């Protein structure tokens, strides 16, 4: 496995642990439907929390959270729609981004709650 893939997997695992320590119930990790994916599906305070995890080896070029562009947002919203239908859920949804950069034996973490509001089609 390429180093960037390992970094991404490690980052997702660290983000999952971070969320659990902060009272989130993890419903699913790496949920997929077709070509769409949700990194982490969690629940907290009667909210379905969709978490996009961005891990980078450095923030030299930009912060990892800046990699969540309009196309990624559209894909996350579509994936969330299918997840809700498949699981017959009736919860409000919040979209978060967790960005991680390795720091010594751990990660520098930034958790952006309500990172974006889904566009209305």
PDB file of N, CA and C in Angstrom:
ATOM      1  N   UNK A   1       0.847  -1.175   0.000  1.00  0.00           N
ATOM      2  CA  UNK A   1       0.000   0.000   0.000  1.00  0.00           C
ATOM      3  C   UNK A   1       0.893   1.238   0.000  1.00  0.00           C
ATOM      4  N   UNK A   2       0.541   2.248  -0.807  1.00  0.00           N
ATOM      5  CA  UNK A   2       1.324   3.476  -0.898  1.00  0.00           C
ATOM      6  C   UNK A   2       1.298   4.224   0.433  1.00  0.00           C
ATOM      7  N   UNK A   3       2.349   4.997   0.679  1.00  0.00           N
ATOM      8  CA  UNK A   3       2.447   5.738   1.942  1.00  0.00           C
ATOM      9  C   UNK A   3       1.270   6.671   2.176  1.00  0.00           C
ATOM     10  N   UNK A   4       0.775   7.342   1.104  1.00  0.00           N
ATOM     11  CA  UNK A   4      -0.347   8.262   1.300  1.00  0.00           C
ATOM     12  C   UNK A   4      -1.625   7.496   1.673  1.00  0.00           C
ATOM     13  N   UNK A   5      -1.776   6.257   1.170  1.00  0.00           N
ATOM     14  CA  UNK A   5      -2.930   5.440   1.556  1.00  0.00           C
ATOM     15  C   UNK A   5      -2.850   5.046   3.024  1.00  0.00           C
ATOM     16  N   UNK A   6      -1.653   4.671   3.477  1.00  0.00           N
ATOM     17  CA  UNK A   6      -1.466   4.318   4.888  1.00  0.00           C
ATOM     18  C   UNK A   6      -1.715   5.524   5.780  1.00  0.00           C
ATOM     19  N   UNK A   7      -1.232   6.685   5.364  1.00  0.00           N
ATOM     20  CA  UNK A   7      -1.453   7.913   6.124  1.00  0.00           C
ATOM     21  C   UNK A   7      -2.946   8.197   6.238  1.00  0.00           C
ATOM     22  N   UNK A   8      -3.669   8.021   5.134  1.00  0.00           N
ATOM     23  CA  UNK A   8      -5.116   8.242   5.144  1.00  0.00           C
ATOM     24  C   UNK A   8      -5.845   7.283   6.065  1.00  0.00           C
ATOM     25  N   UNK A   9      -5.479   6.011   6.038  1.00  0.00           N
ATOM     26  CA  UNK A   9      -6.110   5.007   6.918  1.00  0.00           C
ATOM     27  C   UNK A   9      -5.813   5.319   8.385  1.00  0.00           C
ATOM     28  N   UNK A  10      -4.558   5.672   8.670  1.00  0.00           N
ATOM     29  CA  UNK A  10      -4.185   6.031  10.041  1.00  0.00           C
ATOM     30  C   UNK A  10      -4.971   7.260  10.507  1.00  0.00           C
ATOM     31  N   UNK A  11      -5.102   8.232   9.613  1.00  0.00           N
ATOM     32  CA  UNK A  11      -5.850   9.437   9.951  1.00  0.00           C
ATOM     33  C   UNK A  11      -7.308   9.142  10.239  1.00  0.00           C
ATOM     34  N   UNK A  12      -7.919   8.291   9.432  1.00  0.00           N
ATOM     35  CA  UNK A  12      -9.324   7.928   9.674  1.00  0.00           C
ATOM     36  C   UNK A  12      -9.485   7.201  10.997  1.00  0.00           C
ATOM     37  N   UNK A  13      -8.544   6.326  11.321  1.00  0.00           N
ATOM     38  CA  UNK A  13      -8.611   5.613  12.599  1.00  0.00           C
ATOM     39  C   UNK A  13      -8.469   6.594  13.763  1.00  0.00           C
ATOM     40  N   UNK A  14      -7.535   7.534  13.657  1.00  0.00           N
ATOM     41  CA  UNK A  14      -7.336   8.529  14.709  1.00  0.00           C
ATOM     42  C   UNK A  14      -8.579   9.412  14.856  1.00  0.00           C
ATOM     43  N   UNK A  15      -9.182   9.812  13.720  1.00  0.00           N
ATOM     44  CA  UNK A  15     -10.401  10.627  13.755  1.00  0.00           C
ATOM     45  C   UNK A  15     -11.542   9.873  14.428  1.00  0.00           C
ATOM     46  N   UNK A  16     -11.653   8.586  14.130  1.00  0.00           N
ATOM     47  CA  UNK A  16     -12.692   7.755  14.756  1.00  0.00           C
ATOM     48  C   UNK A  16     -12.489   7.722  16.271  1.00  0.00           C
ATOM     49  N   UNK A  17     -11.260   7.503  16.724  1.00  0.00           N
ATOM     50  CA  UNK A  17     -10.980   7.487  18.158  1.00  0.00           C
ATOM     51  C   UNK A  17     -11.298   8.844  18.792  1.00  0.00           C
ATOM     52  N   UNK A  18     -10.914   9.906  18.117  1.00  0.00           N
ATOM     53  CA  UNK A  18     -11.180  11.262  18.602  1.00  0.00           C
ATOM     54  C   UNK A  18     -12.688  11.474  18.796  1.00  0.00           C
ATOM     55  N   UNK A  19     -13.470  11.071  17.800  1.00  0.00           N
ATOM     56  CA  UNK A  19     -14.922  11.238  17.890  1.00  0.00           C
ATOM     57  C   UNK A  19     -15.506  10.434  19.045  1.00  0.00           C
ATOM     58  N   UNK A  20     -15.083   9.179  19.172  1.00  0.00           N
ATOM     59  CA  UNK A  20     -15.588   8.332  20.263  1.00  0.00           C
ATOM     60  C   UNK A  20     -15.261   8.941  21.617  1.00  0.00           C
ATOM     61  N   UNK A  21     -14.052   9.462  21.784  1.00  0.00           N
ATOM     62  CA  UNK A  21     -13.651  10.098  23.047  1.00  0.00           C
ATOM     63  C   UNK A  21     -14.482  11.337  23.342  1.00  0.00           C
ATOM     64  N   UNK A  22     -15.055  11.929  22.299  1.00  0.00           N
ATOM     65  CA  UNK A  22     -15.849  13.140  22.462  1.00  0.00           C
ATOM     66  C   UNK A  22     -17.352  12.880  22.397  1.00  0.00           C
ATOM     67  N   UNK A  23     -17.751  11.634  22.656  1.00  0.00           N
ATOM     68  CA  UNK A  23     -19.163  11.314  22.829  1.00  0.00           C
ATOM     69  C   UNK A  23     -19.940  10.958  21.577  1.00  0.00           C
ATOM     70  N   UNK A  24     -19.259  10.753  20.474  1.00  0.00           N
ATOM     71  CA  UNK A  24     -19.940  10.359  19.245  1.00  0.00           C
ATOM     72  C   UNK A  24     -20.068   8.843  19.194  1.00  0.00           C
ATOM     73  N   UNK A  25     -21.205   8.377  18.694  1.00  0.00           N
ATOM     74  CA  UNK A  25     -21.391   6.951  18.432  1.00  0.00           C
ATOM     75  C   UNK A  25     -21.081   6.745  16.957  1.00  0.00           C
ATOM     76  N   UNK A  26     -20.115   5.890  16.672  1.00  0.00           N
ATOM     77  CA  UNK A  26     -19.746   5.607  15.287  1.00  0.00           C
ATOM     78  C   UNK A  26     -20.737   4.592  14.728  1.00  0.00           C
ATOM     79  N   UNK A  27     -21.432   4.989  13.673  1.00  0.00           N
ATOM     80  CA  UNK A  27     -22.386   4.095  13.023  1.00  0.00           C
ATOM     81  C   UNK A  27     -21.726   3.288  11.906  1.00  0.00           C
ATOM     82  N   UNK A  28     -20.779   3.923  11.196  1.00  0.00           N
ATOM     83  CA  UNK A  28     -20.151   3.249  10.065  1.00  0.00           C
ATOM     84  C   UNK A  28     -18.874   3.987   9.684  1.00  0.00           C
ATOM     85  N   UNK A  29     -17.888   3.230   9.233  1.00  0.00           N
ATOM     86  CA  UNK A  29     -16.642   3.799   8.721  1.00  0.00           C
ATOM     87  C   UNK A  29     -16.485   3.330   7.276  1.00  0.00           C
ATOM     88  N   UNK A  30     -16.191   4.261   6.405  1.00  0.00           N
ATOM     89  CA  UNK A  30     -16.012   3.990   4.970  1.00  0.00           C
ATOM     90  C   UNK A  30     -17.259   3.353   4.334  1.00  0.00           C
ATOM     91  N   UNK A  31     -18.403   3.974   4.569  1.00  0.00           N
ATOM     92  CA  UNK A  31     -19.650   3.510   3.962  1.00  0.00           C
ATOM     93  C   UNK A  31     -19.634   3.861   2.482  1.00  0.00           C
ATOM     94  N   UNK A  32     -20.013   2.910   1.654  1.00  0.00           N
ATOM     95  CA  UNK A  32     -19.989   3.102   0.197  1.00  0.00           C
ATOM     96  C   UNK A  32     -21.308   2.701  -0.442  1.00  0.00           C
ATOM     97  N   UNK A  33     -21.602   3.426  -1.496  1.00  0.00           N
ATOM     98  CA  UNK A  33     -22.661   3.041  -2.416  1.00  0.00           C
ATOM     99  C   UNK A  33     -22.184   3.456  -3.796  1.00  0.00           C
ATOM    100  N   UNK A  34     -22.021   2.509  -4.681  1.00  0.00           N
ATOM    101  CA  UNK A  34     -21.459   2.812  -5.997  1.00  0.00           C
ATOM    102  C   UNK A  34     -20.084   3.444  -5.846  1.00  0.00           C
ATOM    103  N   UNK A  35     -19.895   4.612  -6.448  1.00  0.00           N
ATOM    104  CA  UNK A  35     -18.620   5.320  -6.353  1.00  0.00           C
ATOM    105  C   UNK A  35     -18.606   6.360  -5.240  1.00  0.00           C
ATOM    106  N   UNK A  36     -19.693   6.451  -4.492  1.00  0.00           N
ATOM    107  CA  UNK A  36     -19.796   7.430  -3.414  1.00  0.00           C
ATOM    108  C   UNK A  36     -19.329   6.818  -2.093  1.00  0.00           C
ATOM    109  N   UNK A  37     -18.698   7.640  -1.259  1.00  0.00           N
ATOM    110  CA  UNK A  37     -18.209   7.147   0.032  1.00  0.00           C
ATOM    111  C   UNK A  37     -18.367   8.220   1.106  1.00  0.00           C
ATOM    112  N   UNK A  38     -18.661   7.758   2.305  1.00  0.00           N
ATOM    113  CA  UNK A  38     -18.649   8.606   3.496  1.00  0.00           C
ATOM    114  C   UNK A  38     -17.564   8.045   4.403  1.00  0.00           C
ATOM    115  N   UNK A  39     -16.610   8.892   4.803  1.00  0.00           N
ATOM    116  CA  UNK A  39     -15.514   8.411   5.642  1.00  0.00           C
ATOM    117  C   UNK A  39     -16.020   7.895   6.981  1.00  0.00           C
ATOM    118  N   UNK A  40     -16.775   8.725   7.701  1.00  0.00           N
ATOM    119  CA  UNK A  40     -17.311   8.310   8.995  1.00  0.00           C
ATOM    120  C   UNK A  40     -18.752   8.794   9.114  1.00  0.00           C
ATOM    121  N   UNK A  41     -19.633   7.868   9.477  1.00  0.00           N
ATOM    122  CA  UNK A  41     -21.014   8.199   9.805  1.00  0.00           C
ATOM    123  C   UNK A  41     -21.121   8.040  11.318  1.00  0.00           C
ATOM    124  N   UNK A  42     -21.486   9.132  11.977  1.00  0.00           N
ATOM    125  CA  UNK A  42     -21.566   9.111  13.440  1.00  0.00           C
ATOM    126  C   UNK A  42     -22.905   9.687  13.877  1.00  0.00           C
ATOM    127  N   UNK A  43     -23.140   9.577  15.171  1.00  0.00           N
ATOM    128  CA  UNK A  43     -24.364  10.123  15.743  1.00  0.00           C
ATOM    129  C   UNK A  43     -24.028  10.759  17.082  1.00  0.00           C
ATOM    130  N   UNK A  44     -24.609  11.930  17.317  1.00  0.00           N
ATOM    131  CA  UNK A  44     -24.443  12.603  18.606  1.00  0.00           C
ATOM    132  C   UNK A  44     -25.591  13.591  18.778  1.00  0.00           C
ATOM    133  N   UNK A  45     -26.174  13.589  19.961  1.00  0.00           N
ATOM    134  CA  UNK A  45     -27.250  14.529  20.294  1.00  0.00           C
ATOM    135  C   UNK A  45     -28.377  14.493  19.262  1.00  0.00           C
ATOM    136  N   UNK A  46     -28.800  13.300  18.882  1.00  0.00           N
ATOM    137  CA  UNK A  46     -29.879  13.098  17.907  1.00  0.00           C
ATOM    138  C   UNK A  46     -29.588  13.714  16.550  1.00  0.00           C
ATOM    139  N   UNK A  47     -28.317  13.838  16.210  1.00  0.00           N
ATOM    140  CA  UNK A  47     -27.896  14.303  14.891  1.00  0.00           C
ATOM    141  C   UNK A  47     -27.128  13.201  14.196  1.00  0.00           C
ATOM    142  N   UNK A  48     -27.360  13.064  12.914  1.00  0.00           N
ATOM    143  CA  UNK A  48     -26.526  12.213  12.089  1.00  0.00           C
ATOM    144  C   UNK A  48     -25.367  13.103  11.645  1.00  0.00           C
ATOM    145  N   UNK A  49     -24.147  12.716  11.991  1.00  0.00           N
ATOM    146  CA  UNK A  49     -22.984  13.538  11.695  1.00  0.00           C
ATOM    147  C   UNK A  49     -22.158  12.824  10.621  1.00  0.00           C
ATOM    148  N   UNK A  50     -22.057  13.474   9.480  1.00  0.00           N
ATOM    149  CA  UNK A  50     -21.285  12.946   8.353  1.00  0.00           C
ATOM    150  C   UNK A  50     -19.919  13.625   8.417  1.00  0.00           C
ATOM    151  N   UNK A  51     -18.865  12.805   8.517  1.00  0.00           N
ATOM    152  CA  UNK A  51     -17.533  13.358   8.726  1.00  0.00           C
ATOM    153  C   UNK A  51     -16.627  13.012   7.544  1.00  0.00           C
ATOM    154  N   UNK A  52     -16.100  14.042   6.933  1.00  0.00           N
ATOM    155  CA  UNK A  52     -15.084  13.889   5.895  1.00  0.00           C
ATOM    156  C   UNK A  52     -13.733  14.065   6.572  1.00  0.00           C
ATOM    157  N   UNK A  53     -12.860  13.080   6.425  1.00  0.00           N
ATOM    158  CA  UNK A  53     -11.544  13.111   7.056  1.00  0.00           C
ATOM    159  C   UNK A  53     -10.498  13.413   5.991  1.00  0.00           C
ATOM    160  N   UNK A  54      -9.701  14.434   6.247  1.00  0.00           N
ATOM    161  CA  UNK A  54      -8.620  14.811   5.338  1.00  0.00           C
ATOM    162  C   UNK A  54      -7.310  14.768   6.109  1.00  0.00           C
ATOM    163  N   UNK A  55      -6.413  13.901   5.677  1.00  0.00           N
ATOM    164  CA  UNK A  55      -5.112  13.752   6.312  1.00  0.00           C
ATOM    165  C   UNK A  55      -4.039  14.126   5.303  1.00  0.00           C
ATOM    166  N   UNK A  56      -3.130  14.961   5.724  1.00  0.00           N
ATOM    167  CA  UNK A  56      -2.016  15.367   4.873  1.00  0.00           C
ATOM    168  C   UNK A  56      -0.725  15.253   5.675  1.00  0.00           C
ATOM    169  N   UNK A  57       0.359  15.029   4.983  1.00  0.00           N
ATOM    170  CA  UNK A  57       1.649  14.918   5.672  1.00  0.00           C
ATOM    171  C   UNK A  57       2.157  16.276   6.121  1.00  0.00           C
ATOM    172  N   UNK A  58       1.656  17.353   5.499  1.00  0.00           N
ATOM    173  CA  UNK A  58       2.073  18.710   5.840  1.00  0.00           C
ATOM    174  C   UNK A  58       0.988  19.691   5.406  1.00  0.00           C
ATOM    175  N   UNK A  59       0.985  20.859   6.017  1.00  0.00           N
ATOM    176  CA  UNK A  59       0.047  21.901   5.585  1.00  0.00           C
ATOM    177  C   UNK A  59       0.772  22.955   4.753  1.00  0.00           C
ATOM    178  N   UNK A  60       1.941  22.594   4.206  1.00  0.00           N
ATOM    179  CA  UNK A  60       2.757  23.542   3.458  1.00  0.00           C
ATOM    180  C   UNK A  60       1.966  24.206   2.332  1.00  0.00           C
ATOM    181  N   UNK A  61       1.245  23.423   1.540  1.00  0.00           N
ATOM    182  CA  UNK A  61       0.517  23.986   0.397  1.00  0.00           C
ATOM    183  C   UNK A  61      -0.829  24.556   0.817  1.00  0.00           C
ATOM    184  N   UNK A  62      -1.559  23.829   1.641  1.00  0.00           N
ATOM    185  CA  UNK A  62      -2.831  24.314   2.181  1.00  0.00           C
ATOM    186  C   UNK A  62      -3.273  23.385   3.297  1.00  0.00           C
ATOM    187  N   UNK A  63      -4.249  23.844   4.038  1.00  0.00           N
ATOM    188  CA  UNK A  63      -4.791  23.023   5.113  1.00  0.00           C
ATOM    189  C   UNK A  63      -5.585  21.867   4.500  1.00  0.00           C
ATOM    190  N   UNK A  64      -5.554  20.702   5.132  1.00  0.00           N
ATOM    191  CA  UNK A  64      -6.279  19.544   4.579  1.00  0.00           C
ATOM    192  C   UNK A  64      -7.758  19.818   4.332  1.00  0.00           C
ATOM    193  N   UNK A  65      -8.393  20.593   5.218  1.00  0.00           N
ATOM    194  CA  UNK A  65      -9.826  20.856   5.071  1.00  0.00           C
ATOM    195  C   UNK A  65     -10.141  21.620   3.781  1.00  0.00           C
ATOM    196  N   UNK A  66      -9.160  22.301   3.204  1.00  0.00           N
ATOM    197  CA  UNK A  66      -9.387  23.035   1.973  1.00  0.00           C
ATOM    198  C   UNK A  66      -9.555  22.107   0.768  1.00  0.00           C
ATOM    199  N   UNK A  67      -9.300  20.830   0.957  1.00  0.00           N
ATOM    200  CA  UNK A  67      -9.471  19.854  -0.122  1.00  0.00           C
ATOM    201  C   UNK A  67     -10.938  19.448  -0.292  1.00  0.00           C
ATOM    202  N   UNK A  68     -11.812  19.937   0.560  1.00  0.00           N
ATOM    203  CA  UNK A  68     -13.243  19.636   0.442  1.00  0.00           C
ATOM    204  C   UNK A  68     -13.849  20.703  -0.461  1.00  0.00           C
ATOM    205  N   UNK A  69     -13.930  20.363  -1.750  1.00  0.00           N
ATOM    206  CA  UNK A  69     -14.409  21.308  -2.751  1.00  0.00           C
ATOM    207  C   UNK A  69     -15.880  21.048  -3.087  1.00  0.00           C
ATOM    208  N   UNK A  70     -16.399  21.808  -4.031  1.00  0.00           N
ATOM    209  CA  UNK A  70     -17.817  21.708  -4.401  1.00  0.00           C
ATOM    210  C   UNK A  70     -18.196  20.307  -4.880  1.00  0.00           C
ATOM    211  N   UNK A  71     -17.325  19.669  -5.658  1.00  0.00           N
ATOM    212  CA  UNK A  71     -17.612  18.305  -6.135  1.00  0.00           C
ATOM    213  C   UNK A  71     -17.679  17.324  -4.963  1.00  0.00           C
ATOM    214  N   UNK A  72     -16.751  17.447  -4.020  1.00  0.00           N
ATOM    215  CA  UNK A  72     -16.732  16.559  -2.848  1.00  0.00           C
ATOM    216  C   UNK A  72     -17.992  16.774  -2.016  1.00  0.00           C
ATOM    217  N   UNK A  73     -18.392  18.025  -1.849  1.00  0.00           N
ATOM    218  CA  UNK A  73     -19.608  18.328  -1.090  1.00  0.00           C
ATOM    219  C   UNK A  73     -20.818  17.688  -1.768  1.00  0.00           C
ATOM    220  N   UNK A  74     -20.917  17.825  -3.084  1.00  0.00           N
ATOM    221  CA  UNK A  74     -22.037  17.224  -3.822  1.00  0.00           C
ATOM    222  C   UNK A  74     -22.055  15.711  -3.624  1.00  0.00           C
ATOM    223  N   UNK A  75     -20.895  15.068  -3.719  1.00  0.00           N
ATOM    224  CA  UNK A  75     -20.818  13.617  -3.533  1.00  0.00           C
ATOM    225  C   UNK A  75     -21.198  13.211  -2.114  1.00  0.00           C
ATOM    226  N   UNK A  76     -20.754  13.972  -1.119  1.00  0.00           N
ATOM    227  CA  UNK A  76     -21.107  13.665   0.272  1.00  0.00           C
ATOM    228  C   UNK A  76     -22.612  13.796   0.504  1.00  0.00           C
ATOM    229  N   UNK A  77     -23.192  14.838  -0.031  1.00  0.00           N
ATOM    230  CA  UNK A  77     -24.640  15.048   0.122  1.00  0.00           C
ATOM    231  C   UNK A  77     -25.407  13.906  -0.542  1.00  0.00           C
ATOM    232  N   UNK A  78     -25.001  13.510  -1.744  1.00  0.00           N
ATOM    233  CA  UNK A  78     -25.670  12.400  -2.434  1.00  0.00           C
ATOM    234  C   UNK A  78     -25.507  11.089  -1.665  1.00  0.00           C
ATOM    235  N   UNK A  79     -24.296  10.819  -1.192  1.00  0.00           N
ATOM    236  CA  UNK A  79     -24.057   9.595  -0.417  1.00  0.00           C
ATOM    237  C   UNK A  79     -24.903   9.589   0.848  1.00  0.00           C
ATOM    238  N   UNK A  80     -24.993  10.737   1.497  1.00  0.00           N
ATOM    239  CA  UNK A  80     -25.788  10.845   2.728  1.00  0.00           C
ATOM    240  C   UNK A  80     -27.254  10.562   2.442  1.00  0.00           C
ATOM    241  N   UNK A  81     -27.749  11.076   1.345  1.00  0.00           N
ATOM    242  CA  UNK A  81     -29.135  10.815   0.939  1.00  0.00           C
ATOM    243  C   UNK A  81     -29.389   9.306   0.843  1.00  0.00           C
ATOM    244  N   UNK A  82     -28.488   8.601   0.161  1.00  0.00           N
ATOM    245  CA  UNK A  82     -28.639   7.149   0.021  1.00  0.00           C
ATOM    246  C   UNK A  82     -28.502   6.434   1.369  1.00  0.00           C
ATOM    247  N   UNK A  83     -27.591   6.906   2.211  1.00  0.00           N
ATOM    248  CA  UNK A  83     -27.412   6.286   3.528  1.00  0.00           C
ATOM    249  C   UNK A  83     -28.700   6.426   4.354  1.00  0.00           C
ATOM    250  N   UNK A  84     -29.283   7.601   4.333  1.00  0.00           N
ATOM    251  CA  UNK A  84     -30.517   7.849   5.091  1.00  0.00           C
ATOM    252  C   UNK A  84     -31.650   6.966   4.575  1.00  0.00           C
ATOM    253  N   UNK A  85     -31.786   6.878   3.260  1.00  0.00           N
ATOM    254  CA  UNK A  85     -32.841   6.034   2.684  1.00  0.00           C
ATOM    255  C   UNK A  85     -32.625   4.562   3.028  1.00  0.00           C
ATOM    256  N   UNK A  86     -31.390   4.104   2.864  1.00  0.00           N
ATOM    257  CA  UNK A  86     -31.076   2.697   3.116  1.00  0.00           C
ATOM    258  C   UNK A  86     -31.327   2.306   4.566  1.00  0.00           C
ATOM    259  N   UNK A  87     -31.103   3.228   5.480  1.00  0.00           N
ATOM    260  CA  UNK A  87     -31.243   2.936   6.908  1.00  0.00           C
ATOM    261  C   UNK A  87     -32.530   3.475   7.511  1.00  0.00           C
ATOM    262  N   UNK A  88     -33.404   4.019   6.650  1.00  0.00           N
ATOM    263  CA  UNK A  88     -34.708   4.511   7.085  1.00  0.00           C
ATOM    264  C   UNK A  88     -34.588   5.427   8.311  1.00  0.00           C
ATOM    265  N   UNK A  89     -33.734   6.440   8.193  1.00  0.00           N
ATOM    266  CA  UNK A  89     -33.466   7.338   9.313  1.00  0.00           C
ATOM    267  C   UNK A  89     -34.299   8.599   9.234  1.00  0.00           C
ATOM    268  N   UNK A  90     -34.608   9.140  10.396  1.00  0.00           N
ATOM    269  CA  UNK A  90     -35.311  10.409  10.496  1.00  0.00           C
ATOM    270  C   UNK A  90     -34.546  11.287  11.491  1.00  0.00           C
ATOM    271  N   UNK A  91     -33.351  11.694  11.095  1.00  0.00           N
ATOM    272  CA  UNK A  91     -32.492  12.525  11.937  1.00  0.00           C
ATOM    273  C   UNK A  91     -32.048  13.747  11.148  1.00  0.00           C
ATOM    274  N   UNK A  92     -31.846  14.849  11.859  1.00  0.00           N
ATOM    275  CA  UNK A  92     -31.212  15.993  11.219  1.00  0.00           C
ATOM    276  C   UNK A  92     -29.761  15.623  10.941  1.00  0.00           C
ATOM    277  N   UNK A  93     -29.177  16.271   9.939  1.00  0.00           N
ATOM    278  CA  UNK A  93     -27.830  15.931   9.495  1.00  0.00           C
ATOM    279  C   UNK A  93     -26.910  17.135   9.652  1.00  0.00           C
ATOM    280  N   UNK A  94     -25.690  16.846  10.072  1.00  0.00           N
ATOM    281  CA  UNK A  94     -24.643  17.865  10.139  1.00  0.00           C
ATOM    282  C   UNK A  94     -23.429  17.325   9.391  1.00  0.00           C
ATOM    283  N   UNK A  95     -22.768  18.177   8.641  1.00  0.00           N
ATOM    284  CA  UNK A  95     -21.575  17.797   7.897  1.00  0.00           C
ATOM    285  C   UNK A  95     -20.345  18.419   8.559  1.00  0.00           C
ATOM    286  N   UNK A  96     -19.419  17.570   8.988  1.00  0.00           N
ATOM    287  CA  UNK A  96     -18.189  18.010   9.638  1.00  0.00           C
ATOM    288  C   UNK A  96     -16.988  17.621   8.795  1.00  0.00           C
ATOM    289  N   UNK A  97     -15.894  18.321   9.004  1.00  0.00           N
ATOM    290  CA  UNK A  97     -14.614  17.961   8.402  1.00  0.00           C
ATOM    291  C   UNK A  97     -13.600  17.858   9.529  1.00  0.00           C
ATOM    292  N   UNK A  98     -12.859  16.775   9.523  1.00  0.00           N
ATOM    293  CA  UNK A  98     -11.735  16.626  10.451  1.00  0.00           C
ATOM    294  C   UNK A  98     -10.475  16.590   9.607  1.00  0.00           C
ATOM    295  N   UNK A  99      -9.574  17.530   9.896  1.00  0.00           N
ATOM    296  CA  UNK A  99      -8.296  17.535   9.184  1.00  0.00           C
ATOM    297  C   UNK A  99      -7.194  17.148  10.159  1.00  0.00           C
ATOM    298  N   UNK A 100      -6.258  16.359   9.635  1.00  0.00           N
ATOM    299  CA  UNK A 100      -5.177  15.825  10.455  1.00  0.00           C
ATOM    300  C   UNK A 100      -3.839  16.016   9.758  1.00  0.00           C
ATOM    301  N   UNK A 101      -2.852  16.401  10.571  1.00  0.00           N
ATOM    302  CA  UNK A 101      -1.475  16.499  10.102  1.00  0.00           C
ATOM    303  C   UNK A 101      -0.607  15.805  11.146  1.00  0.00           C
ATOM    304  N   UNK A 102       0.239  14.858  10.730  1.00  0.00           N
ATOM    305  CA  UNK A 102       1.082  14.152  11.701  1.00  0.00           C
ATOM    306  C   UNK A 102       1.933  15.134  12.512  1.00  0.00           C
ATOM    307  N   UNK A 103       2.031  14.819  13.809  1.00  0.00           N
ATOM    308  CA  UNK A 103       2.812  15.646  14.722  1.00  0.00           C
ATOM    309  C   UNK A 103       3.423  14.733  15.779  1.00  0.00           C
ATOM    310  N   UNK A 104       4.699  14.506  15.699  1.00  0.00           N
ATOM    311  CA  UNK A 104       5.415  13.584  16.585  1.00  0.00           C
ATOM    312  C   UNK A 104       4.765  12.208  16.517  1.00  0.00           C
ATOM    313  N   UNK A 105       4.282  11.682  17.624  1.00  0.00           N
ATOM    314  CA  UNK A 105       3.671  10.344  17.667  1.00  0.00           C
ATOM    315  C   UNK A 105       2.152  10.389  17.521  1.00  0.00           C
ATOM    316  N   UNK A 106       1.600  11.556  17.200  1.00  0.00           N
ATOM    317  CA  UNK A 106       0.157  11.713  17.136  1.00  0.00           C
ATOM    318  C   UNK A 106      -0.202  12.559  15.911  1.00  0.00           C
ATOM    319  N   UNK A 107      -1.281  13.299  16.010  1.00  0.00           N
ATOM    320  CA  UNK A 107      -1.728  14.166  14.930  1.00  0.00           C
ATOM    321  C   UNK A 107      -2.181  15.505  15.492  1.00  0.00           C
ATOM    322  N   UNK A 108      -1.966  16.547  14.709  1.00  0.00           N
ATOM    323  CA  UNK A 108      -2.605  17.833  14.962  1.00  0.00           C
ATOM    324  C   UNK A 108      -3.983  17.693  14.338  1.00  0.00           C
ATOM    325  N   UNK A 109      -5.023  17.925  15.127  1.00  0.00           N
ATOM    326  CA  UNK A 109      -6.377  17.705  14.643  1.00  0.00           C
ATOM    327  C   UNK A 109      -7.166  19.001  14.671  1.00  0.00           C
ATOM    328  N   UNK A 110      -7.939  19.198  13.619  1.00  0.00           N
ATOM    329  CA  UNK A 110      -8.877  20.309  13.560  1.00  0.00           C
ATOM    330  C   UNK A 110     -10.237  19.714  13.205  1.00  0.00           C
ATOM    331  N   UNK A 111     -11.211  19.935  14.083  1.00  0.00           N
ATOM    332  CA  UNK A 111     -12.561  19.424  13.868  1.00  0.00           C
ATOM    333  C   UNK A 111     -13.449  20.617  13.555  1.00  0.00           C
ATOM    334  N   UNK A 112     -13.932  20.683  12.328  1.00  0.00           N
ATOM    335  CA  UNK A 112     -14.807  21.770  11.904  1.00  0.00           C
ATOM    336  C   UNK A 112     -16.235  21.239  11.878  1.00  0.00           C
ATOM    337  N   UNK A 113     -17.017  21.639  12.868  1.00  0.00           N
ATOM    338  CA  UNK A 113     -18.431  21.256  12.897  1.00  0.00           C
ATOM    339  C   UNK A 113     -19.200  22.174  11.958  1.00  0.00           C
ATOM    340  N   UNK A 114     -20.262  21.628  11.354  1.00  0.00           N
ATOM    341  CA  UNK A 114     -21.042  22.401  10.379  1.00  0.00           C
ATOM    342  C   UNK A 114     -20.116  23.020   9.338  1.00  0.00           C
ATOM    343  N   UNK A 115     -19.252  22.208   8.782  1.00  0.00           N
ATOM    344  CA  UNK A 115     -18.242  22.703   7.828  1.00  0.00           C
ATOM    345  C   UNK A 115     -18.887  23.307   6.580  1.00  0.00           C
ATOM    346  N   UNK A 116     -20.046  22.787   6.212  1.00  0.00           N
ATOM    347  CA  UNK A 116     -20.765  23.350   5.066  1.00  0.00           C
ATOM    348  C   UNK A 116     -22.236  23.009   5.191  1.00  0.00           C
ATOM    349  N   UNK A 117     -23.025  23.801   4.524  1.00  0.00           N
ATOM    350  CA  UNK A 117     -24.466  23.569   4.440  1.00  0.00           C
ATOM    351  C   UNK A 117     -24.726  23.039   3.032  1.00  0.00           C
ATOM    352  N   UNK A 118     -25.432  21.912   2.926  1.00  0.00           N
ATOM    353  CA  UNK A 118     -25.658  21.324   1.597  1.00  0.00           C
ATOM    354  C   UNK A 118     -26.390  22.311   0.683  1.00  0.00           C
ATOM    355  N   UNK A 119     -25.959  22.372  -0.561  1.00  0.00           N
ATOM    356  CA  UNK A 119     -26.651  23.245  -1.516  1.00  0.00           C
ATOM    357  C   UNK A 119     -28.051  22.713  -1.802  1.00  0.00           C
ATOM    358  N   UNK A 120     -28.955  23.615  -2.055  1.00  0.00           N
ATOM    359  CA  UNK A 120     -30.331  23.221  -2.401  1.00  0.00           C
ATOM    360  C   UNK A 120     -30.404  23.109  -3.914  1.00  0.00           C
ATOM    361  N   UNK A 121     -30.865  21.944  -4.368  1.00  0.00           N
ATOM    362  CA  UNK A 121     -30.961  21.727  -5.827  1.00  0.00           C
ATOM    363  C   UNK A 121     -32.300  22.157  -6.344  1.00  0.00           C
TER     364      UNK A 121
END
